[in-house]
Amino acid sequence: MFKDIFVKILQEQNITAYKLSKDTGITQGMISYWKNGERIPSAENLVMLADYFGCSVDYLLGRTDEKTPPATQQEALESSLHDLTVEELQDVLNYVRYVKSKRKS
């Protein structure tokens, strides 16, 4: 799974193994192993790659289709509300009011 995503993101961002190696210090040989599916990056290199490509480690590993996760719970909530119907939004609002009403004063 990593191999396919890695090759795809290199192509999407038009980045060569040479450029990636030059920018990150990762050897071209190691990059070749990854591209051929012969090895998977270490945790440290996965984090470096995620930062370099502007995506999450979970995306690189195929655990999510979302390249970048929402930064906060509020952003996650906002992004999940955009395709709700008016009735569903009202249900969400009613639930928020219910949760707030249960707070101890």
N, C-alpha and C. Protein backbone atom coordinates (compact mmCIF):
# COMPACT_ATOMS: atom_id res chain seq x y z
N MET A 1 0.83 -1.19 0.00
CA MET A 1 0.00 0.00 0.00
C MET A 1 0.88 1.26 0.00
N PHE A 2 1.90 1.30 0.87
CA PHE A 2 2.77 2.48 0.92
C PHE A 2 3.38 2.76 -0.44
N LYS A 3 3.89 1.71 -1.08
CA LYS A 3 4.57 1.87 -2.38
C LYS A 3 3.68 2.61 -3.37
N ASP A 4 2.43 2.19 -3.49
CA ASP A 4 1.52 2.80 -4.46
C ASP A 4 1.26 4.27 -4.14
N ILE A 5 1.06 4.54 -2.88
CA ILE A 5 0.78 5.93 -2.46
C ILE A 5 2.02 6.79 -2.64
N PHE A 6 3.18 6.24 -2.29
CA PHE A 6 4.44 6.97 -2.43
C PHE A 6 4.70 7.34 -3.89
N VAL A 7 4.56 6.39 -4.77
CA VAL A 7 4.78 6.64 -6.21
C VAL A 7 3.76 7.67 -6.70
N LYS A 8 2.52 7.53 -6.28
CA LYS A 8 1.47 8.46 -6.71
C LYS A 8 1.76 9.89 -6.25
N ILE A 9 2.16 10.05 -5.00
CA ILE A 9 2.39 11.41 -4.48
C ILE A 9 3.64 12.03 -5.12
N LEU A 10 4.63 11.21 -5.43
CA LEU A 10 5.79 11.73 -6.16
C LEU A 10 5.36 12.26 -7.52
N GLN A 11 4.51 11.51 -8.21
CA GLN A 11 4.03 11.93 -9.53
C GLN A 11 3.14 13.16 -9.43
N GLU A 12 2.22 13.16 -8.46
CA GLU A 12 1.31 14.30 -8.30
C GLU A 12 2.07 15.59 -8.04
N GLN A 13 3.12 15.51 -7.24
CA GLN A 13 3.86 16.71 -6.88
C GLN A 13 5.09 16.92 -7.77
N ASN A 14 5.20 16.06 -8.80
CA ASN A 14 6.28 16.18 -9.77
C ASN A 14 7.66 16.25 -9.10
N ILE A 15 7.89 15.29 -8.20
CA ILE A 15 9.14 15.25 -7.45
C ILE A 15 9.91 14.00 -7.85
N THR A 16 11.17 14.19 -8.21
CA THR A 16 12.02 13.07 -8.58
C THR A 16 12.69 12.51 -7.33
N ALA A 17 13.21 11.30 -7.47
CA ALA A 17 13.96 10.69 -6.37
C ALA A 17 15.18 11.56 -6.03
N TYR A 18 15.80 12.12 -7.07
CA TYR A 18 16.95 12.99 -6.85
C TYR A 18 16.57 14.21 -6.00
N LYS A 19 15.47 14.87 -6.36
CA LYS A 19 15.04 16.06 -5.61
C LYS A 19 14.68 15.69 -4.18
N LEU A 20 13.93 14.60 -4.00
CA LEU A 20 13.55 14.17 -2.66
C LEU A 20 14.79 13.88 -1.83
N SER A 21 15.76 13.21 -2.43
CA SER A 21 17.00 12.89 -1.74
C SER A 21 17.75 14.16 -1.35
N LYS A 22 17.84 15.08 -2.28
CA LYS A 22 18.55 16.34 -2.04
C LYS A 22 17.87 17.15 -0.93
N ASP A 23 16.53 17.18 -0.95
CA ASP A 23 15.78 17.99 0.02
C ASP A 23 15.73 17.37 1.42
N THR A 24 15.78 16.05 1.49
CA THR A 24 15.58 15.38 2.79
C THR A 24 16.82 14.69 3.34
N GLY A 25 17.80 14.42 2.49
CA GLY A 25 18.97 13.70 2.95
C GLY A 25 18.80 12.19 2.91
N ILE A 26 17.65 11.72 2.46
CA ILE A 26 17.41 10.29 2.32
C ILE A 26 18.11 9.84 1.04
N THR A 27 18.80 8.73 1.10
CA THR A 27 19.56 8.29 -0.08
C THR A 27 18.62 7.89 -1.22
N GLN A 28 19.10 8.07 -2.43
CA GLN A 28 18.31 7.66 -3.59
C GLN A 28 18.10 6.15 -3.60
N GLY A 29 19.06 5.41 -3.07
CA GLY A 29 18.90 3.96 -2.96
C GLY A 29 17.72 3.57 -2.09
N MET A 30 17.58 4.25 -0.94
CA MET A 30 16.46 3.97 -0.05
C MET A 30 15.14 4.34 -0.72
N ILE A 31 15.12 5.47 -1.40
CA ILE A 31 13.92 5.90 -2.11
C ILE A 31 13.55 4.86 -3.17
N SER A 32 14.55 4.32 -3.84
CA SER A 32 14.31 3.28 -4.84
C SER A 32 13.69 2.04 -4.20
N TYR A 33 14.19 1.64 -3.03
CA TYR A 33 13.60 0.51 -2.32
C TYR A 33 12.12 0.76 -2.04
N TRP A 34 11.80 1.98 -1.60
CA TRP A 34 10.40 2.31 -1.29
C TRP A 34 9.54 2.28 -2.55
N LYS A 35 10.06 2.86 -3.62
CA LYS A 35 9.30 2.90 -4.88
C LYS A 35 9.04 1.50 -5.44
N ASN A 36 9.95 0.59 -5.20
CA ASN A 36 9.80 -0.78 -5.69
C ASN A 36 9.08 -1.69 -4.71
N GLY A 37 8.71 -1.15 -3.55
CA GLY A 37 8.00 -1.95 -2.57
C GLY A 37 8.88 -2.95 -1.83
N GLU A 38 10.19 -2.75 -1.88
CA GLU A 38 11.12 -3.68 -1.23
C GLU A 38 11.28 -3.38 0.25
N ARG A 39 11.02 -2.16 0.65
CA ARG A 39 11.11 -1.75 2.05
C ARG A 39 10.05 -0.71 2.34
N ILE A 40 9.80 -0.54 3.63
CA ILE A 40 8.89 0.51 4.11
C ILE A 40 9.72 1.45 4.98
N PRO A 41 9.48 2.74 4.90
CA PRO A 41 10.28 3.69 5.69
C PRO A 41 10.13 3.47 7.19
N SER A 42 11.16 3.86 7.91
CA SER A 42 11.11 3.85 9.37
C SER A 42 10.08 4.89 9.83
N ALA A 43 9.71 4.82 11.08
CA ALA A 43 8.76 5.80 11.63
C ALA A 43 9.30 7.22 11.46
N GLU A 44 10.59 7.39 11.72
CA GLU A 44 11.21 8.71 11.59
C GLU A 44 11.12 9.21 10.15
N ASN A 45 11.39 8.35 9.19
CA ASN A 45 11.31 8.76 7.78
C ASN A 45 9.88 8.98 7.33
N LEU A 46 8.93 8.21 7.87
CA LEU A 46 7.52 8.43 7.54
C LEU A 46 7.08 9.83 7.97
N VAL A 47 7.49 10.23 9.16
CA VAL A 47 7.15 11.58 9.65
C VAL A 47 7.79 12.64 8.75
N MET A 48 9.05 12.41 8.38
CA MET A 48 9.75 13.36 7.51
C MET A 48 9.04 13.46 6.15
N LEU A 49 8.65 12.32 5.60
CA LEU A 49 7.95 12.32 4.31
C LEU A 49 6.60 13.01 4.41
N ALA A 50 5.87 12.75 5.48
CA ALA A 50 4.56 13.39 5.67
C ALA A 50 4.72 14.90 5.74
N ASP A 51 5.71 15.37 6.47
CA ASP A 51 5.96 16.81 6.55
C ASP A 51 6.37 17.36 5.18
N TYR A 52 7.20 16.65 4.48
CA TYR A 52 7.69 17.08 3.17
C TYR A 52 6.55 17.19 2.16
N PHE A 53 5.70 16.17 2.14
CA PHE A 53 4.61 16.14 1.15
C PHE A 53 3.37 16.89 1.62
N GLY A 54 3.33 17.33 2.87
CA GLY A 54 2.17 18.04 3.38
C GLY A 54 0.97 17.13 3.56
N CYS A 55 1.22 15.93 4.05
CA CYS A 55 0.13 14.99 4.28
C CYS A 55 0.35 14.31 5.62
N SER A 56 -0.54 13.41 5.98
CA SER A 56 -0.40 12.69 7.23
C SER A 56 0.32 11.36 7.01
N VAL A 57 0.89 10.84 8.07
CA VAL A 57 1.50 9.51 8.02
C VAL A 57 0.43 8.48 7.69
N ASP A 58 -0.75 8.63 8.26
CA ASP A 58 -1.85 7.70 7.97
C ASP A 58 -2.17 7.67 6.48
N TYR A 59 -2.11 8.82 5.81
CA TYR A 59 -2.34 8.85 4.36
C TYR A 59 -1.26 8.05 3.63
N LEU A 60 -0.01 8.27 4.01
CA LEU A 60 1.10 7.56 3.35
C LEU A 60 0.97 6.05 3.53
N LEU A 61 0.44 5.62 4.67
CA LEU A 61 0.31 4.19 4.95
C LEU A 61 -0.99 3.59 4.43
N GLY A 62 -1.83 4.44 3.83
CA GLY A 62 -3.09 3.94 3.28
C GLY A 62 -4.17 3.72 4.31
N ARG A 63 -4.01 4.32 5.48
CA ARG A 63 -5.01 4.16 6.55
C ARG A 63 -6.17 5.13 6.41
N THR A 64 -6.01 6.14 5.56
CA THR A 64 -7.07 7.11 5.31
C THR A 64 -6.90 7.66 3.90
N ASP A 65 -8.01 8.10 3.32
CA ASP A 65 -7.96 8.75 2.01
C ASP A 65 -7.77 10.25 2.15
N GLU A 66 -7.90 10.75 3.36
CA GLU A 66 -7.73 12.18 3.64
C GLU A 66 -6.23 12.48 3.72
N LYS A 67 -5.75 13.34 2.83
CA LYS A 67 -4.32 13.64 2.85
C LYS A 67 -3.90 14.31 4.15
N THR A 68 -4.72 15.24 4.60
CA THR A 68 -4.39 15.92 5.85
C THR A 68 -5.60 15.90 6.77
N PRO A 69 -5.41 15.45 7.99
CA PRO A 69 -6.53 15.42 8.92
C PRO A 69 -6.85 16.83 9.42
N PRO A 70 -8.07 17.06 9.88
CA PRO A 70 -8.39 18.36 10.46
C PRO A 70 -7.46 18.63 11.65
N ALA A 71 -7.05 19.87 11.79
CA ALA A 71 -6.10 20.23 12.85
C ALA A 71 -6.74 20.21 14.23
N THR A 72 -8.01 20.49 14.30
CA THR A 72 -8.67 20.56 15.60
C THR A 72 -9.99 19.82 15.56
N GLN A 73 -10.54 19.57 16.75
CA GLN A 73 -11.86 18.96 16.82
C GLN A 73 -12.91 19.87 16.19
N GLN A 74 -12.75 21.16 16.37
CA GLN A 74 -13.71 22.11 15.78
C GLN A 74 -13.68 22.02 14.26
N GLU A 75 -12.49 21.95 13.68
CA GLU A 75 -12.40 21.81 12.22
C GLU A 75 -13.00 20.49 11.76
N ALA A 76 -12.78 19.44 12.53
CA ALA A 76 -13.36 18.13 12.18
C ALA A 76 -14.88 18.20 12.20
N LEU A 77 -15.43 18.86 13.21
CA LEU A 77 -16.87 19.01 13.30
C LEU A 77 -17.41 19.86 12.15
N GLU A 78 -16.75 20.97 11.88
CA GLU A 78 -17.19 21.85 10.79
C GLU A 78 -17.15 21.14 9.44
N SER A 79 -16.11 20.35 9.21
CA SER A 79 -16.01 19.67 7.92
C SER A 79 -17.06 18.58 7.76
N SER A 80 -17.54 18.03 8.87
CA SER A 80 -18.54 16.97 8.77
C SER A 80 -19.96 17.53 8.67
N LEU A 81 -20.14 18.82 8.86
CA LEU A 81 -21.47 19.43 8.80
C LEU A 81 -21.87 19.90 7.41
N HIS A 82 -20.93 20.06 6.51
CA HIS A 82 -21.19 20.75 5.24
C HIS A 82 -22.21 20.07 4.34
N ASP A 83 -22.38 18.76 4.45
CA ASP A 83 -23.32 18.09 3.54
C ASP A 83 -24.59 17.59 4.22
N LEU A 84 -24.86 18.11 5.42
CA LEU A 84 -26.08 17.71 6.12
C LEU A 84 -27.29 18.50 5.63
N THR A 85 -28.44 17.88 5.73
CA THR A 85 -29.68 18.58 5.38
C THR A 85 -30.03 19.55 6.50
N VAL A 86 -30.99 20.41 6.25
CA VAL A 86 -31.44 21.37 7.27
C VAL A 86 -31.96 20.62 8.50
N GLU A 87 -32.70 19.55 8.27
CA GLU A 87 -33.24 18.76 9.39
C GLU A 87 -32.12 18.12 10.20
N GLU A 88 -31.10 17.59 9.51
CA GLU A 88 -29.98 16.96 10.21
C GLU A 88 -29.19 17.99 11.01
N LEU A 89 -29.02 19.18 10.44
CA LEU A 89 -28.34 20.25 11.17
C LEU A 89 -29.11 20.63 12.42
N GLN A 90 -30.43 20.65 12.32
CA GLN A 90 -31.25 20.96 13.49
C GLN A 90 -31.08 19.88 14.56
N ASP A 91 -31.01 18.62 14.14
CA ASP A 91 -30.78 17.52 15.09
C ASP A 91 -29.43 17.69 15.80
N VAL A 92 -28.41 18.07 15.04
CA VAL A 92 -27.09 18.28 15.62
C VAL A 92 -27.14 19.41 16.63
N LEU A 93 -27.79 20.50 16.27
CA LEU A 93 -27.91 21.64 17.16
C LEU A 93 -28.67 21.25 18.43
N ASN A 94 -29.73 20.49 18.28
CA ASN A 94 -30.49 20.04 19.45
C ASN A 94 -29.62 19.16 20.36
N TYR A 95 -28.80 18.31 19.76
CA TYR A 95 -27.93 17.45 20.56
C TYR A 95 -26.89 18.29 21.31
N VAL A 96 -26.32 19.29 20.65
CA VAL A 96 -25.35 20.17 21.31
C VAL A 96 -26.00 20.86 22.50
N ARG A 97 -27.21 21.34 22.32
CA ARG A 97 -27.93 21.98 23.43
C ARG A 97 -28.16 20.99 24.58
N TYR A 98 -28.50 19.74 24.24
CA TYR A 98 -28.73 18.70 25.23
C TYR A 98 -27.43 18.44 26.01
N VAL A 99 -26.31 18.28 25.30
CA VAL A 99 -25.03 18.02 25.97
C VAL A 99 -24.68 19.15 26.91
N LYS A 100 -24.87 20.40 26.46
CA LYS A 100 -24.57 21.55 27.30
C LYS A 100 -25.47 21.61 28.53
N SER A 101 -26.71 21.18 28.36
CA SER A 101 -27.65 21.22 29.49
C SER A 101 -27.29 20.22 30.58
N LYS A 102 -26.51 19.20 30.25
CA LYS A 102 -26.10 18.18 31.23
C LYS A 102 -24.91 18.60 32.05
N ARG A 103 -24.28 19.73 31.70
CA ARG A 103 -23.12 20.19 32.47
C ARG A 103 -23.53 20.51 33.89
N LYS A 104 -22.62 20.21 34.80
CA LYS A 104 -22.88 20.56 36.20
C LYS A 104 -22.54 22.01 36.40
N SER A 105 -23.39 22.72 37.08
CA SER A 105 -23.17 24.15 37.30
C SER A 105 -22.28 24.40 38.49
